[in-house]
All heavy atoms as atom14 arrays in JSON, in Angstrom:
{
  "sequence": "PRTLSPELMERLRAADLSALPVVQGGRVAPPTAQPFN",
  "atom14_mask": [
    [1, 1, 1, 1, 1, 1, 1, 0, 0, 0, 0, 0, 0, 0],
    [1, 1, 1, 1, 1, 1, 1, 1, 1, 1, 1, 0, 0, 0],
    [1, 1, 1, 1, 1, 1, 1, 0, 0, 0, 0, 0, 0, 0],
    [1, 1, 1, 1, 1, 1, 1, 1, 0, 0, 0, 0, 0, 0],
    [1, 1, 1, 1, 1, 1, 0, 0, 0, 0, 0, 0, 0, 0],
    [1, 1, 1, 1, 1, 1, 1, 0, 0, 0, 0, 0, 0, 0],
    [1, 1, 1, 1, 1, 1, 1, 1, 1, 0, 0, 0, 0, 0],
    [1, 1, 1, 1, 1, 1, 1, 1, 0, 0, 0, 0, 0, 0],
    [1, 1, 1, 1, 1, 1, 1, 1, 0, 0, 0, 0, 0, 0],
    [1, 1, 1, 1, 1, 1, 1, 1, 1, 0, 0, 0, 0, 0],
    [1, 1, 1, 1, 1, 1, 1, 1, 1, 1, 1, 0, 0, 0],
    [1, 1, 1, 1, 1, 1, 1, 1, 0, 0, 0, 0, 0, 0],
    [1, 1, 1, 1, 1, 1, 1, 1, 1, 1, 1, 0, 0, 0],
    [1, 1, 1, 1, 1, 0, 0, 0, 0, 0, 0, 0, 0, 0],
    [1, 1, 1, 1, 1, 0, 0, 0, 0, 0, 0, 0, 0, 0],
    [1, 1, 1, 1, 1, 1, 1, 1, 0, 0, 0, 0, 0, 0],
    [1, 1, 1, 1, 1, 1, 1, 1, 0, 0, 0, 0, 0, 0],
    [1, 1, 1, 1, 1, 1, 0, 0, 0, 0, 0, 0, 0, 0],
    [1, 1, 1, 1, 1, 0, 0, 0, 0, 0, 0, 0, 0, 0],
    [1, 1, 1, 1, 1, 1, 1, 1, 0, 0, 0, 0, 0, 0],
    [1, 1, 1, 1, 1, 1, 1, 0, 0, 0, 0, 0, 0, 0],
    [1, 1, 1, 1, 1, 1, 1, 0, 0, 0, 0, 0, 0, 0],
    [1, 1, 1, 1, 1, 1, 1, 0, 0, 0, 0, 0, 0, 0],
    [1, 1, 1, 1, 1, 1, 1, 1, 1, 0, 0, 0, 0, 0],
    [1, 1, 1, 1, 0, 0, 0, 0, 0, 0, 0, 0, 0, 0],
    [1, 1, 1, 1, 0, 0, 0, 0, 0, 0, 0, 0, 0, 0],
    [1, 1, 1, 1, 1, 1, 1, 1, 1, 1, 1, 0, 0, 0],
    [1, 1, 1, 1, 1, 1, 1, 0, 0, 0, 0, 0, 0, 0],
    [1, 1, 1, 1, 1, 0, 0, 0, 0, 0, 0, 0, 0, 0],
    [1, 1, 1, 1, 1, 1, 1, 0, 0, 0, 0, 0, 0, 0],
    [1, 1, 1, 1, 1, 1, 1, 0, 0, 0, 0, 0, 0, 0],
    [1, 1, 1, 1, 1, 1, 1, 0, 0, 0, 0, 0, 0, 0],
    [1, 1, 1, 1, 1, 0, 0, 0, 0, 0, 0, 0, 0, 0],
    [1, 1, 1, 1, 1, 1, 1, 1, 1, 0, 0, 0, 0, 0],
    [1, 1, 1, 1, 1, 1, 1, 0, 0, 0, 0, 0, 0, 0],
    [1, 1, 1, 1, 1, 1, 1, 1, 1, 1, 1, 0, 0, 0],
    [1, 1, 1, 1, 1, 1, 1, 1, 0, 0, 0, 0, 0, 0]
  ],
  "atom14_positions": [
    [[-14.14, -11.62, 16.07], [-13.3, -12.58, 16.79], [-13.38, -14.0, 16.26], [-12.4, -14.74, 16.35], [-13.83, -12.49, 18.23], [-14.44, -11.14, 18.33], [-15.01, -10.85, 16.98], [0.0, 0.0, 0.0], [0.0, 0.0, 0.0], [0.0, 0.0, 0.0], [0.0, 0.0, 0.0], [0.0, 0.0, 0.0], [0.0, 0.0, 0.0], [0.0, 0.0, 0.0]],
    [[-14.52, -14.38, 15.73], [-14.68, -15.77, 15.28], [-14.31, -15.97, 13.81], [-14.31, -17.1, 13.32], [-16.11, -16.23, 15.54], [-16.51, -16.1, 17.0], [-17.85, -16.75, 17.3], [-18.3, -16.43, 18.64], [-17.82, -17.0, 19.76], [-16.89, -17.93, 19.67], [-18.29, -16.65, 20.95], [0.0, 0.0, 0.0], [0.0, 0.0, 0.0], [0.0, 0.0, 0.0]],
    [[-14.0, -14.89, 13.11], [-13.7, -15.03, 11.67], [-12.36, -14.46, 11.25], [-11.82, -14.9, 10.23], [-14.81, -14.35, 10.83], [-14.86, -12.96, 11.16], [-16.17, -14.99, 11.08], [0.0, 0.0, 0.0], [0.0, 0.0, 0.0], [0.0, 0.0, 0.0], [0.0, 0.0, 0.0], [0.0, 0.0, 0.0], [0.0, 0.0, 0.0], [0.0, 0.0, 0.0]],
    [[-11.82, -13.5, 11.97], [-10.54, -12.91, 11.55], [-9.43, -13.96, 11.57], [-9.26, -14.68, 12.56], [-10.16, -11.75, 12.46], [-10.88, -10.41, 12.24], [-10.43, -9.39, 13.27], [-10.62, -9.88, 10.83], [0.0, 0.0, 0.0], [0.0, 0.0, 0.0], [0.0, 0.0, 0.0], [0.0, 0.0, 0.0], [0.0, 0.0, 0.0], [0.0, 0.0, 0.0]],
    [[-8.68, -14.01, 10.51], [-7.57, -14.96, 10.4], [-6.74, -14.57, 9.19], [-7.23, -13.88, 8.27], [-8.08, -16.39, 10.22], [-8.71, -16.54, 8.96], [0.0, 0.0, 0.0], [0.0, 0.0, 0.0], [0.0, 0.0, 0.0], [0.0, 0.0, 0.0], [0.0, 0.0, 0.0], [0.0, 0.0, 0.0], [0.0, 0.0, 0.0], [0.0, 0.0, 0.0]],
    [[-5.5, -15.02, 9.12], [-4.71, -14.78, 7.91], [-5.36, -15.39, 6.67], [-5.26, -14.82, 5.57], [-3.37, -15.46, 8.23], [-3.28, -15.42, 9.72], [-4.68, -15.63, 10.2], [0.0, 0.0, 0.0], [0.0, 0.0, 0.0], [0.0, 0.0, 0.0], [0.0, 0.0, 0.0], [0.0, 0.0, 0.0], [0.0, 0.0, 0.0], [0.0, 0.0, 0.0]],
    [[-6.04, -16.52, 6.83], [-6.69, -17.17, 5.7], [-7.82, -16.29, 5.14], [-7.99, -16.18, 3.92], [-7.23, -18.54, 6.1], [-6.16, -19.56, 6.45], [-5.5, -19.33, 7.81], [-6.12, -18.65, 8.67], [-4.37, -19.82, 8.0], [0.0, 0.0, 0.0], [0.0, 0.0, 0.0], [0.0, 0.0, 0.0], [0.0, 0.0, 0.0], [0.0, 0.0, 0.0]],
    [[-8.6, -15.68, 6.04], [-9.66, -14.78, 5.58], [-9.06, -13.61, 4.82], [-9.58, -13.22, 3.75], [-10.47, -14.27, 6.77], [-11.47, -13.15, 6.42], [-12.52, -13.64, 5.44], [-12.11, -12.59, 7.68], [0.0, 0.0, 0.0], [0.0, 0.0, 0.0], [0.0, 0.0, 0.0], [0.0, 0.0, 0.0], [0.0, 0.0, 0.0], [0.0, 0.0, 0.0]],
    [[-7.98, -13.04, 5.32], [-7.37, -11.91, 4.64], [-6.93, -12.29, 3.24], [-7.08, -11.49, 2.28], [-6.19, -11.37, 5.46], [-6.6, -10.77, 6.79], [-7.76, -9.39, 6.6], [-7.79, -8.74, 8.26], [0.0, 0.0, 0.0], [0.0, 0.0, 0.0], [0.0, 0.0, 0.0], [0.0, 0.0, 0.0], [0.0, 0.0, 0.0], [0.0, 0.0, 0.0]],
    [[-6.41, -13.48, 3.07], [-5.99, -13.91, 1.74], [-7.18, -14.07, 0.81], [-7.11, -13.71, -0.37], [-5.2, -15.22, 1.85], [-3.81, -15.05, 2.45], [-3.0, -13.97, 1.75], [-2.93, -14.01, 0.5], [-2.45, -13.1, 2.45], [0.0, 0.0, 0.0], [0.0, 0.0, 0.0], [0.0, 0.0, 0.0], [0.0, 0.0, 0.0], [0.0, 0.0, 0.0]],
    [[-8.29, -14.6, 1.33], [-9.49, -14.73, 0.49], [-10.01, -13.36, 0.06], [-10.42, -13.17, -1.09], [-10.58, -15.49, 1.23], [-10.26, -16.95, 1.48], [-11.52, -17.78, 1.71], [-12.36, -17.28, 2.79], [-12.19, -17.59, 4.07], [-11.2, -18.4, 4.43], [-13.01, -17.11, 4.99], [0.0, 0.0, 0.0], [0.0, 0.0, 0.0], [0.0, 0.0, 0.0]],
    [[-9.97, -12.4, 0.96], [-10.44, -11.06, 0.62], [-9.53, -10.4, -0.4], [-10.0, -9.72, -1.32], [-10.53, -10.2, 1.89], [-11.57, -10.63, 2.93], [-11.43, -9.8, 4.21], [-12.99, -10.5, 2.38], [0.0, 0.0, 0.0], [0.0, 0.0, 0.0], [0.0, 0.0, 0.0], [0.0, 0.0, 0.0], [0.0, 0.0, 0.0], [0.0, 0.0, 0.0]],
    [[-8.23, -10.6, -0.26], [-7.29, -10.01, -1.23], [-7.49, -10.6, -2.62], [-7.27, -9.93, -3.63], [-5.85, -10.23, -0.76], [-5.42, -9.37, 0.41], [-3.92, -9.46, 0.66], [-3.55, -8.58, 1.77], [-3.46, -8.96, 3.04], [-3.72, -10.22, 3.36], [-3.12, -8.1, 3.97], [0.0, 0.0, 0.0], [0.0, 0.0, 0.0], [0.0, 0.0, 0.0]],
    [[-7.88, -11.87, -2.66], [-8.04, -12.55, -3.95], [-9.39, -12.27, -4.6], [-9.59, -12.6, -5.78], [-7.88, -14.06, -3.75], [0.0, 0.0, 0.0], [0.0, 0.0, 0.0], [0.0, 0.0, 0.0], [0.0, 0.0, 0.0], [0.0, 0.0, 0.0], [0.0, 0.0, 0.0], [0.0, 0.0, 0.0], [0.0, 0.0, 0.0], [0.0, 0.0, 0.0]],
    [[-10.31, -11.64, -3.88], [-11.67, -11.43, -4.4], [-11.68, -10.39, -5.52], [-10.9, -9.42, -5.52], [-12.58, -10.98, -3.27], [0.0, 0.0, 0.0], [0.0, 0.0, 0.0], [0.0, 0.0, 0.0], [0.0, 0.0, 0.0], [0.0, 0.0, 0.0], [0.0, 0.0, 0.0], [0.0, 0.0, 0.0], [0.0, 0.0, 0.0], [0.0, 0.0, 0.0]],
    [[-12.58, -10.59, -6.47], [-12.83, -9.61, -7.53], [-13.84, -8.6, -6.99], [-15.05, -8.8, -7.08], [-13.36, -10.3, -8.77], [-13.65, -9.32, -9.91], [-13.35, -8.12, -9.75], [-14.21, -9.76, -10.94], [0.0, 0.0, 0.0], [0.0, 0.0, 0.0], [0.0, 0.0, 0.0], [0.0, 0.0, 0.0], [0.0, 0.0, 0.0], [0.0, 0.0, 0.0]],
    [[-13.37, -7.53, -6.41], [-14.26, -6.56, -5.76], [-15.21, -5.92, -6.76], [-16.35, -5.58, -6.4], [-13.44, -5.49, -5.05], [-12.57, -5.95, -3.87], [-11.84, -4.77, -3.25], [-13.4, -6.66, -2.81], [0.0, 0.0, 0.0], [0.0, 0.0, 0.0], [0.0, 0.0, 0.0], [0.0, 0.0, 0.0], [0.0, 0.0, 0.0], [0.0, 0.0, 0.0]],
    [[-14.79, -5.77, -7.98], [-15.66, -5.11, -8.97], [-16.93, -5.91, -9.25], [-17.91, -5.36, -9.76], [-14.88, -4.9, -10.27], [-14.55, -6.14, -10.88], [0.0, 0.0, 0.0], [0.0, 0.0, 0.0], [0.0, 0.0, 0.0], [0.0, 0.0, 0.0], [0.0, 0.0, 0.0], [0.0, 0.0, 0.0], [0.0, 0.0, 0.0], [0.0, 0.0, 0.0]],
    [[-16.91, -7.21, -8.91], [-18.09, -8.05, -9.14], [-19.04, -8.06, -7.94], [-20.1, -8.7, -8.0], [-17.65, -9.48, -9.46], [0.0, 0.0, 0.0], [0.0, 0.0, 0.0], [0.0, 0.0, 0.0], [0.0, 0.0, 0.0], [0.0, 0.0, 0.0], [0.0, 0.0, 0.0], [0.0, 0.0, 0.0], [0.0, 0.0, 0.0], [0.0, 0.0, 0.0]],
    [[-18.68, -7.38, -6.86], [-19.47, -7.4, -5.64], [-20.29, -6.13, -5.51], [-19.91, -5.07, -6.01], [-18.55, -7.56, -4.43], [-17.75, -8.88, -4.4], [-16.79, -8.89, -3.22], [-18.67, -10.09, -4.34], [0.0, 0.0, 0.0], [0.0, 0.0, 0.0], [0.0, 0.0, 0.0], [0.0, 0.0, 0.0], [0.0, 0.0, 0.0], [0.0, 0.0, 0.0]],
    [[-21.45, -6.2, -4.81], [-22.34, -5.04, -4.7], [-21.69, -3.87, -3.97], [-20.9, -4.06, -3.03], [-23.53, -5.58, -3.9], [-23.45, -7.06, -3.99], [-22.01, -7.4, -4.14], [0.0, 0.0, 0.0], [0.0, 0.0, 0.0], [0.0, 0.0, 0.0], [0.0, 0.0, 0.0], [0.0, 0.0, 0.0], [0.0, 0.0, 0.0], [0.0, 0.0, 0.0]],
    [[-22.03, -2.66, -4.39], [-21.6, -1.45, -3.68], [-22.61, -1.16, -2.58], [-23.82, -1.19, -2.79], [-21.52, -0.24, -4.64], [-21.21, 1.04, -3.87], [-20.48, -0.49, -5.72], [0.0, 0.0, 0.0], [0.0, 0.0, 0.0], [0.0, 0.0, 0.0], [0.0, 0.0, 0.0], [0.0, 0.0, 0.0], [0.0, 0.0, 0.0], [0.0, 0.0, 0.0]],
    [[-22.11, -0.9, -1.37], [-22.96, -0.54, -0.24], [-23.14, 0.97, -0.26], [-22.15, 1.72, -0.27], [-22.36, -1.02, 1.09], [-23.22, -0.58, 2.27], [-22.2, -2.54, 1.08], [0.0, 0.0, 0.0], [0.0, 0.0, 0.0], [0.0, 0.0, 0.0], [0.0, 0.0, 0.0], [0.0, 0.0, 0.0], [0.0, 0.0, 0.0], [0.0, 0.0, 0.0]],
    [[-24.38, 1.41, -0.25], [-24.68, 2.83, -0.45], [-24.5, 3.69, 0.8], [-24.4, 4.89, 0.72], [-26.1, 2.99, -0.99], [-26.3, 2.36, -2.35], [-25.41, 2.96, -3.43], [-25.05, 4.13, -3.38], [-25.02, 2.15, -4.39], [0.0, 0.0, 0.0], [0.0, 0.0, 0.0], [0.0, 0.0, 0.0], [0.0, 0.0, 0.0], [0.0, 0.0, 0.0]],
    [[-24.48, 3.07, 1.97], [-24.27, 3.87, 3.18], [-25.13, 3.41, 4.32], [-25.62, 2.28, 4.36], [0.0, 0.0, 0.0], [0.0, 0.0, 0.0], [0.0, 0.0, 0.0], [0.0, 0.0, 0.0], [0.0, 0.0, 0.0], [0.0, 0.0, 0.0], [0.0, 0.0, 0.0], [0.0, 0.0, 0.0], [0.0, 0.0, 0.0], [0.0, 0.0, 0.0]],
    [[-25.34, 4.31, 5.28], [-26.02, 3.98, 6.52], [-25.07, 4.23, 7.66], [-24.03, 4.89, 7.52], [0.0, 0.0, 0.0], [0.0, 0.0, 0.0], [0.0, 0.0, 0.0], [0.0, 0.0, 0.0], [0.0, 0.0, 0.0], [0.0, 0.0, 0.0], [0.0, 0.0, 0.0], [0.0, 0.0, 0.0], [0.0, 0.0, 0.0], [0.0, 0.0, 0.0]],
    [[-25.43, 3.73, 8.84], [-24.56, 3.9, 10.0], [-23.25, 3.16, 9.79], [-23.22, 1.99, 9.41], [-25.23, 3.37, 11.26], [-24.31, 3.34, 12.49], [-24.98, 2.71, 13.69], [-24.07, 2.62, 14.84], [-23.38, 1.51, 15.16], [-23.48, 0.43, 14.41], [-22.59, 1.51, 16.21], [0.0, 0.0, 0.0], [0.0, 0.0, 0.0], [0.0, 0.0, 0.0]],
    [[-22.15, 3.84, 10.05], [-20.84, 3.2, 10.0], [-20.6, 2.53, 11.35], [-20.54, 3.18, 12.4], [-19.72, 4.21, 9.71], [-18.36, 3.52, 9.71], [-19.96, 4.91, 8.38], [0.0, 0.0, 0.0], [0.0, 0.0, 0.0], [0.0, 0.0, 0.0], [0.0, 0.0, 0.0], [0.0, 0.0, 0.0], [0.0, 0.0, 0.0], [0.0, 0.0, 0.0]],
    [[-20.52, 1.22, 11.34], [-20.26, 0.44, 12.54], [-18.75, 0.35, 12.77], [-17.95, 0.69, 11.88], [-20.86, -0.96, 12.39], [0.0, 0.0, 0.0], [0.0, 0.0, 0.0], [0.0, 0.0, 0.0], [0.0, 0.0, 0.0], [0.0, 0.0, 0.0], [0.0, 0.0, 0.0], [0.0, 0.0, 0.0], [0.0, 0.0, 0.0], [0.0, 0.0, 0.0]],
    [[-18.31, -0.11, 13.94], [-16.89, -0.39, 14.1], [-16.45, -1.39, 13.02], [-17.26, -2.22, 12.58], [-16.79, -1.01, 15.49], [-18.04, -0.61, 16.2], [-19.09, -0.49, 15.14], [0.0, 0.0, 0.0], [0.0, 0.0, 0.0], [0.0, 0.0, 0.0], [0.0, 0.0, 0.0], [0.0, 0.0, 0.0], [0.0, 0.0, 0.0], [0.0, 0.0, 0.0]],
    [[-15.2, -1.36, 12.6], [-14.8, -2.2, 11.48], [-14.76, -3.7, 11.76], [-14.7, -4.49, 10.82], [-13.4, -1.67, 11.12], [-12.94, -0.94, 12.31], [-14.14, -0.43, 13.0], [0.0, 0.0, 0.0], [0.0, 0.0, 0.0], [0.0, 0.0, 0.0], [0.0, 0.0, 0.0], [0.0, 0.0, 0.0], [0.0, 0.0, 0.0], [0.0, 0.0, 0.0]],
    [[-14.79, -4.1, 13.01], [-14.95, -5.5, 13.36], [-15.99, -5.6, 14.46], [-16.29, -4.62, 15.16], [-13.63, -6.14, 13.86], [-13.23, -5.52, 15.09], [-12.52, -5.99, 12.84], [0.0, 0.0, 0.0], [0.0, 0.0, 0.0], [0.0, 0.0, 0.0], [0.0, 0.0, 0.0], [0.0, 0.0, 0.0], [0.0, 0.0, 0.0], [0.0, 0.0, 0.0]],
    [[-16.56, -6.8, 14.63], [-17.55, -7.02, 15.69], [-16.9, -6.84, 17.06], [-15.68, -6.84, 17.2], [-18.14, -8.41, 15.56], [0.0, 0.0, 0.0], [0.0, 0.0, 0.0], [0.0, 0.0, 0.0], [0.0, 0.0, 0.0], [0.0, 0.0, 0.0], [0.0, 0.0, 0.0], [0.0, 0.0, 0.0], [0.0, 0.0, 0.0], [0.0, 0.0, 0.0]],
    [[-17.74, -6.7, 18.08], [-17.25, -6.44, 19.44], [-16.18, -7.47, 19.82], [-16.41, -8.67, 19.73], [-18.4, -6.49, 20.44], [-17.97, -6.2, 21.88], [-19.16, -6.07, 22.81], [-20.0, -5.21, 22.64], [-19.23, -6.95, 23.8], [0.0, 0.0, 0.0], [0.0, 0.0, 0.0], [0.0, 0.0, 0.0], [0.0, 0.0, 0.0], [0.0, 0.0, 0.0]],
    [[-15.02, -7.01, 20.26], [-13.93, -7.94, 20.61], [-14.19, -8.64, 21.93], [-14.99, -8.2, 22.75], [-12.71, -7.02, 20.71], [-13.28, -5.68, 21.08], [-14.62, -5.6, 20.4], [0.0, 0.0, 0.0], [0.0, 0.0, 0.0], [0.0, 0.0, 0.0], [0.0, 0.0, 0.0], [0.0, 0.0, 0.0], [0.0, 0.0, 0.0], [0.0, 0.0, 0.0]],
    [[-13.48, -9.74, 22.12], [-13.52, -10.41, 23.41], [-12.84, -9.56, 24.48], [-13.22, -9.58, 25.65], [-12.83, -11.78, 23.34], [-13.53, -12.79, 22.48], [-12.81, -13.75, 21.8], [-14.91, -12.79, 22.36], [-13.45, -14.7, 21.01], [-15.57, -13.72, 21.58], [-14.83, -14.68, 20.9], [0.0, 0.0, 0.0], [0.0, 0.0, 0.0], [0.0, 0.0, 0.0]],
    [[-11.79, -8.81, 24.08], [-11.02, -8.02, 25.03], [-10.64, -6.67, 24.41], [-10.33, -6.6, 23.23], [-9.71, -8.73, 25.4], [-9.94, -10.07, 26.06], [-10.38, -10.14, 27.2], [-9.63, -11.15, 25.34], [0.0, 0.0, 0.0], [0.0, 0.0, 0.0], [0.0, 0.0, 0.0], [0.0, 0.0, 0.0], [0.0, 0.0, 0.0], [0.0, 0.0, 0.0]]
  ]
}
């Protein structure tokens, strides 16, 4: 809730994912933090 925004989405789209670490696994959490509503 405190970070989702169109601006964040644009930064993520522009990121070079190949340069970022691969996460090997573990518990899959909900895709966003607990919502306000």
